[in-house]
């Protein structure tokens, strides 16, 4: 089956019955790439021993020199964020609340500064 990344990542069902995905063009959007791969590796794909994702990339192309390194960096940052969130959550801290200006401590500190 030949499909676009948007259709394959969001609109087509049944890809889990395949054991191989050949990607001719990746998206610059990390989520689109993750969704695409999730379509082949989900409920129903356990009938395969493993699933394979093959990326076809032209040497020296913008995909090889800029896109793939950029996606790899982005993925590393996402993993770091997930680890940090898990650690903060385990410590009972909620980052969104920690960095809002409406917190009581911020109000008290601003009052002490005469603001």
N, C-alpha and C. Protein backbone atom coordinates (compact mmCIF):
# COMPACT_ATOMS: atom_id res chain seq x y z
N UNK A 1 0.85 -1.17 0.00
CA UNK A 1 0.00 0.00 0.00
C UNK A 1 0.90 1.23 0.00
N UNK A 2 0.59 2.20 -0.80
CA UNK A 2 1.34 3.45 -0.86
C UNK A 2 0.43 4.55 -0.33
N UNK A 3 0.88 5.22 0.73
CA UNK A 3 0.07 6.27 1.35
C UNK A 3 0.97 7.42 1.78
N UNK A 4 0.37 8.57 2.00
CA UNK A 4 1.13 9.71 2.53
C UNK A 4 1.30 9.54 4.03
N UNK A 5 2.25 10.27 4.61
CA UNK A 5 2.49 10.15 6.05
C UNK A 5 1.27 10.61 6.85
N UNK A 6 0.58 11.64 6.36
CA UNK A 6 -0.60 12.11 7.10
C UNK A 6 -1.72 11.07 7.08
N UNK A 7 -1.97 10.48 5.93
CA UNK A 7 -3.01 9.45 5.85
C UNK A 7 -2.59 8.20 6.63
N UNK A 8 -1.34 7.80 6.50
CA UNK A 8 -0.85 6.61 7.19
C UNK A 8 -0.78 6.79 8.68
N UNK A 9 -0.53 8.01 9.12
CA UNK A 9 -0.40 8.26 10.55
C UNK A 9 -1.71 8.49 11.25
N UNK A 10 -2.73 8.89 10.51
CA UNK A 10 -3.98 9.26 11.17
C UNK A 10 -5.22 8.60 10.59
N UNK A 11 -5.28 8.43 9.26
CA UNK A 11 -6.55 8.08 8.67
C UNK A 11 -6.73 6.67 8.17
N UNK A 12 -5.69 5.85 8.19
CA UNK A 12 -5.81 4.51 7.62
C UNK A 12 -5.73 3.48 8.74
N UNK A 13 -6.67 2.54 8.74
CA UNK A 13 -6.65 1.48 9.73
C UNK A 13 -6.21 0.19 9.04
N UNK A 14 -5.68 -0.74 9.80
CA UNK A 14 -5.30 -2.03 9.25
C UNK A 14 -3.81 -2.19 9.02
N UNK A 15 -3.03 -1.12 9.22
CA UNK A 15 -1.60 -1.23 8.98
C UNK A 15 -0.91 -2.16 9.98
N UNK A 16 -1.55 -2.43 11.11
CA UNK A 16 -0.96 -3.33 12.11
C UNK A 16 -0.87 -4.76 11.60
N UNK A 17 -1.52 -5.07 10.50
CA UNK A 17 -1.45 -6.41 9.93
C UNK A 17 -0.18 -6.62 9.11
N UNK A 18 0.56 -5.54 8.87
CA UNK A 18 1.83 -5.62 8.15
C UNK A 18 2.97 -5.74 9.15
N UNK A 19 4.05 -6.37 8.73
CA UNK A 19 5.21 -6.45 9.61
C UNK A 19 6.33 -5.54 9.16
N UNK A 20 6.14 -4.83 8.04
CA UNK A 20 7.17 -3.93 7.52
C UNK A 20 6.56 -2.63 7.05
N UNK A 21 7.20 -1.53 7.41
CA UNK A 21 6.80 -0.19 6.99
C UNK A 21 7.99 0.42 6.27
N UNK A 22 7.81 0.86 5.04
CA UNK A 22 8.87 1.53 4.28
C UNK A 22 8.48 3.00 4.19
N UNK A 23 9.33 3.86 4.73
CA UNK A 23 9.06 5.29 4.77
C UNK A 23 9.93 5.98 3.72
N UNK A 24 9.29 6.64 2.77
CA UNK A 24 10.03 7.34 1.72
C UNK A 24 10.29 8.80 2.07
N UNK A 25 9.49 9.34 2.98
CA UNK A 25 9.68 10.73 3.38
C UNK A 25 9.15 10.92 4.79
N UNK A 26 10.00 11.42 5.66
CA UNK A 26 9.59 11.72 7.03
C UNK A 26 9.02 13.13 7.11
N UNK A 27 8.22 13.34 8.13
CA UNK A 27 7.67 14.66 8.39
C UNK A 27 8.65 15.44 9.27
N UNK A 28 8.60 16.75 9.19
CA UNK A 28 9.39 17.59 10.09
C UNK A 28 8.73 17.62 11.48
N UNK A 29 7.47 17.14 11.55
CA UNK A 29 6.74 17.11 12.81
C UNK A 29 6.95 15.76 13.49
N UNK A 30 7.53 15.78 14.68
CA UNK A 30 7.84 14.56 15.42
C UNK A 30 6.58 13.72 15.65
N UNK A 31 5.49 14.36 16.03
CA UNK A 31 4.27 13.62 16.34
C UNK A 31 3.75 12.84 15.13
N UNK A 32 3.84 13.42 13.94
CA UNK A 32 3.40 12.71 12.74
C UNK A 32 4.22 11.45 12.53
N UNK A 33 5.52 11.51 12.78
CA UNK A 33 6.39 10.34 12.63
C UNK A 33 6.07 9.27 13.67
N UNK A 34 5.84 9.70 14.89
CA UNK A 34 5.52 8.75 15.96
C UNK A 34 4.19 8.08 15.67
N UNK A 35 3.19 8.85 15.24
CA UNK A 35 1.88 8.28 14.93
C UNK A 35 1.98 7.28 13.78
N UNK A 36 2.79 7.60 12.78
CA UNK A 36 2.94 6.70 11.65
C UNK A 36 3.49 5.36 12.10
N UNK A 37 4.55 5.38 12.90
CA UNK A 37 5.13 4.12 13.36
C UNK A 37 4.20 3.38 14.31
N UNK A 38 3.41 4.12 15.06
CA UNK A 38 2.47 3.48 15.99
C UNK A 38 1.38 2.71 15.25
N UNK A 39 1.09 3.09 14.02
CA UNK A 39 0.07 2.40 13.23
C UNK A 39 0.47 0.97 12.89
N UNK A 40 1.75 0.72 12.79
CA UNK A 40 2.21 -0.63 12.44
C UNK A 40 2.53 -1.44 13.69
N UNK A 41 2.80 -0.78 14.79
CA UNK A 41 3.18 -1.46 16.04
C UNK A 41 2.14 -1.17 17.11
N UNK A 42 0.99 -1.83 16.99
CA UNK A 42 -0.10 -1.63 17.96
C UNK A 42 -0.91 -2.91 18.08
N UNK A 43 -2.05 -2.86 18.75
CA UNK A 43 -2.87 -4.05 18.95
C UNK A 43 -3.16 -4.69 17.59
N UNK A 44 -2.87 -5.96 17.49
CA UNK A 44 -3.03 -6.67 16.23
C UNK A 44 -1.69 -7.02 15.63
N UNK A 45 -0.65 -6.24 15.96
CA UNK A 45 0.67 -6.50 15.39
C UNK A 45 1.42 -7.56 16.18
N UNK A 46 0.88 -7.98 17.32
CA UNK A 46 1.57 -8.99 18.14
C UNK A 46 1.64 -10.35 17.44
N UNK A 47 0.89 -10.52 16.37
CA UNK A 47 0.97 -11.77 15.62
C UNK A 47 2.31 -11.89 14.89
N UNK A 48 3.03 -10.78 14.75
CA UNK A 48 4.36 -10.80 14.13
C UNK A 48 5.42 -10.95 15.21
N UNK A 49 6.49 -11.65 14.89
CA UNK A 49 7.61 -11.74 15.83
C UNK A 49 8.20 -10.37 16.10
N UNK A 50 8.27 -9.56 15.06
CA UNK A 50 8.77 -8.19 15.18
C UNK A 50 8.22 -7.38 14.00
N UNK A 51 8.29 -6.08 14.14
CA UNK A 51 7.92 -5.19 13.04
C UNK A 51 9.17 -4.43 12.62
N UNK A 52 9.22 -4.08 11.35
CA UNK A 52 10.41 -3.42 10.80
C UNK A 52 10.01 -2.10 10.18
N UNK A 53 10.81 -1.08 10.45
CA UNK A 53 10.61 0.22 9.83
C UNK A 53 11.87 0.51 9.01
N UNK A 54 11.68 0.70 7.72
CA UNK A 54 12.79 0.96 6.81
C UNK A 54 12.63 2.38 6.28
N UNK A 55 13.65 3.20 6.50
CA UNK A 55 13.66 4.57 5.97
C UNK A 55 14.53 4.60 4.72
N UNK A 56 13.98 5.11 3.64
CA UNK A 56 14.72 5.28 2.40
C UNK A 56 15.14 6.75 2.33
N UNK A 57 16.45 6.98 2.38
CA UNK A 57 16.98 8.34 2.42
C UNK A 57 18.11 8.47 1.40
N UNK A 58 18.07 9.52 0.61
CA UNK A 58 19.11 9.77 -0.38
C UNK A 58 20.32 10.40 0.31
N UNK A 59 21.50 9.85 0.01
CA UNK A 59 22.72 10.41 0.59
C UNK A 59 22.91 11.85 0.16
N UNK A 60 23.30 12.68 1.13
CA UNK A 60 23.57 14.08 0.85
C UNK A 60 22.32 14.94 0.74
N UNK A 61 21.15 14.35 0.92
CA UNK A 61 19.90 15.12 0.81
C UNK A 61 19.65 15.91 2.08
N UNK A 62 18.70 16.81 2.01
CA UNK A 62 18.33 17.60 3.18
C UNK A 62 17.78 16.70 4.29
N UNK A 63 17.14 15.59 3.89
CA UNK A 63 16.64 14.65 4.90
C UNK A 63 17.79 14.06 5.70
N UNK A 64 18.85 13.67 5.01
CA UNK A 64 19.99 13.05 5.70
C UNK A 64 20.77 14.08 6.53
N UNK A 65 21.01 15.25 5.95
CA UNK A 65 21.89 16.22 6.61
C UNK A 65 21.21 17.10 7.64
N UNK A 66 19.90 17.34 7.48
CA UNK A 66 19.23 18.24 8.42
C UNK A 66 18.04 17.62 9.14
N UNK A 67 17.16 16.94 8.38
CA UNK A 67 15.93 16.43 8.98
C UNK A 67 16.18 15.36 10.04
N UNK A 68 16.89 14.31 9.67
CA UNK A 68 17.10 13.21 10.61
C UNK A 68 17.88 13.64 11.86
N UNK A 69 18.98 14.41 11.72
CA UNK A 69 19.65 14.88 12.93
C UNK A 69 18.74 15.74 13.81
N UNK A 70 17.93 16.57 13.16
CA UNK A 70 17.02 17.44 13.93
C UNK A 70 15.96 16.63 14.66
N UNK A 71 15.39 15.63 13.99
CA UNK A 71 14.40 14.77 14.64
C UNK A 71 15.03 13.99 15.79
N UNK A 72 16.27 13.53 15.62
CA UNK A 72 16.96 12.79 16.69
C UNK A 72 17.16 13.69 17.91
N UNK A 73 17.57 14.94 17.69
CA UNK A 73 17.74 15.89 18.80
C UNK A 73 16.42 16.15 19.50
N UNK A 74 15.38 16.33 18.72
CA UNK A 74 14.05 16.58 19.27
C UNK A 74 13.59 15.40 20.13
N UNK A 75 13.82 14.20 19.64
CA UNK A 75 13.42 13.01 20.38
C UNK A 75 14.18 12.91 21.71
N UNK A 76 15.48 13.24 21.69
CA UNK A 76 16.27 13.23 22.93
C UNK A 76 15.72 14.23 23.93
N UNK A 77 15.34 15.41 23.46
CA UNK A 77 14.77 16.42 24.36
C UNK A 77 13.45 15.92 24.95
N UNK A 78 12.63 15.27 24.11
CA UNK A 78 11.36 14.74 24.61
C UNK A 78 11.59 13.69 25.69
N UNK A 79 12.57 12.81 25.47
CA UNK A 79 12.89 11.79 26.47
C UNK A 79 13.35 12.45 27.77
N UNK A 80 14.15 13.50 27.66
CA UNK A 80 14.63 14.21 28.85
C UNK A 80 13.47 14.85 29.60
N UNK A 81 12.55 15.44 28.87
CA UNK A 81 11.37 16.05 29.49
C UNK A 81 10.55 15.00 30.21
N UNK A 82 10.35 13.85 29.58
CA UNK A 82 9.57 12.78 30.20
C UNK A 82 10.24 12.29 31.48
N UNK A 83 11.56 12.12 31.45
CA UNK A 83 12.28 11.69 32.65
C UNK A 83 12.14 12.72 33.77
N UNK A 84 12.31 14.00 33.41
CA UNK A 84 12.18 15.06 34.41
C UNK A 84 10.78 15.11 35.01
N UNK A 85 9.78 14.98 34.16
CA UNK A 85 8.39 14.99 34.67
C UNK A 85 8.14 13.83 35.61
N UNK A 86 8.65 12.65 35.27
CA UNK A 86 8.47 11.48 36.13
C UNK A 86 9.15 11.71 37.47
N UNK A 87 10.36 12.26 37.46
CA UNK A 87 11.08 12.52 38.72
C UNK A 87 10.36 13.57 39.56
N UNK A 88 9.89 14.64 38.93
CA UNK A 88 9.17 15.68 39.67
C UNK A 88 7.86 15.14 40.23
N UNK A 89 7.17 14.35 39.44
CA UNK A 89 5.92 13.76 39.90
C UNK A 89 6.15 12.84 41.09
N UNK A 90 7.22 12.04 41.01
CA UNK A 90 7.55 11.14 42.11
C UNK A 90 7.88 11.92 43.38
N UNK A 91 8.41 13.13 43.21
CA UNK A 91 8.74 13.98 44.36
C UNK A 91 7.54 14.80 44.82
N UNK A 92 6.39 14.63 44.14
CA UNK A 92 5.18 15.34 44.53
C UNK A 92 5.13 16.77 44.02
N UNK A 93 5.93 17.09 43.02
CA UNK A 93 5.95 18.44 42.47
C UNK A 93 5.20 18.49 41.15
N UNK A 94 4.58 19.62 40.88
CA UNK A 94 3.84 19.80 39.64
C UNK A 94 4.44 21.00 38.90
N UNK A 95 5.27 20.77 37.87
CA UNK A 95 5.96 21.86 37.19
C UNK A 95 5.07 23.00 36.70
N UNK A 96 3.89 22.74 36.10
CA UNK A 96 3.09 23.88 35.66
C UNK A 96 2.72 24.82 36.82
N UNK A 97 2.47 24.27 37.99
CA UNK A 97 2.15 25.10 39.15
C UNK A 97 3.39 25.83 39.66
N UNK A 98 4.56 25.21 39.50
CA UNK A 98 5.80 25.80 40.01
C UNK A 98 6.16 27.09 39.28
N UNK A 99 5.75 27.21 38.03
CA UNK A 99 6.20 28.33 37.22
C UNK A 99 5.08 29.27 36.80
N UNK A 100 4.03 29.31 37.59
CA UNK A 100 2.98 30.29 37.32
C UNK A 100 3.18 31.48 38.24
N UNK A 101 2.86 32.65 37.77
CA UNK A 101 3.05 33.87 38.56
C UNK A 101 1.97 34.05 39.60
N UNK A 102 0.91 33.27 39.52
CA UNK A 102 -0.19 33.42 40.46
C UNK A 102 0.04 32.67 41.77
N UNK A 103 1.19 32.03 41.91
CA UNK A 103 1.45 31.27 43.13
C UNK A 103 1.54 32.20 44.34
N UNK A 104 1.22 31.67 45.48
CA UNK A 104 1.23 32.46 46.71
C UNK A 104 2.62 33.01 47.02
N UNK A 105 3.69 32.19 46.86
CA UNK A 105 5.04 32.64 47.18
C UNK A 105 5.45 33.82 46.30
N UNK A 106 5.06 33.80 45.04
CA UNK A 106 5.40 34.88 44.12
C UNK A 106 4.72 36.16 44.57
N UNK A 107 3.46 36.05 44.96
CA UNK A 107 2.72 37.21 45.42
C UNK A 107 3.37 37.78 46.67
N UNK A 108 3.78 36.92 47.59
CA UNK A 108 4.44 37.40 48.80
C UNK A 108 5.76 38.06 48.48
N UNK A 109 6.54 37.49 47.57
CA UNK A 109 7.82 38.05 47.22
C UNK A 109 7.63 39.41 46.56
N UNK A 110 6.66 39.55 45.67
CA UNK A 110 6.40 40.82 45.03
C UNK A 110 5.95 41.86 46.04
N UNK A 111 5.18 41.44 47.05
CA UNK A 111 4.72 42.37 48.09
C UNK A 111 5.93 42.86 48.90
N UNK A 112 6.90 41.97 49.17
CA UNK A 112 8.09 42.36 49.90
C UNK A 112 8.94 43.35 49.12
N UNK A 113 8.86 43.31 47.79
CA UNK A 113 9.66 44.21 46.96
C UNK A 113 8.92 45.53 46.71
N UNK A 114 7.76 45.67 47.29
CA UNK A 114 7.00 46.89 47.14
C UNK A 114 6.23 46.96 45.83
N UNK A 115 6.00 45.80 45.23
CA UNK A 115 5.27 45.79 43.94
C UNK A 115 3.84 45.40 44.15
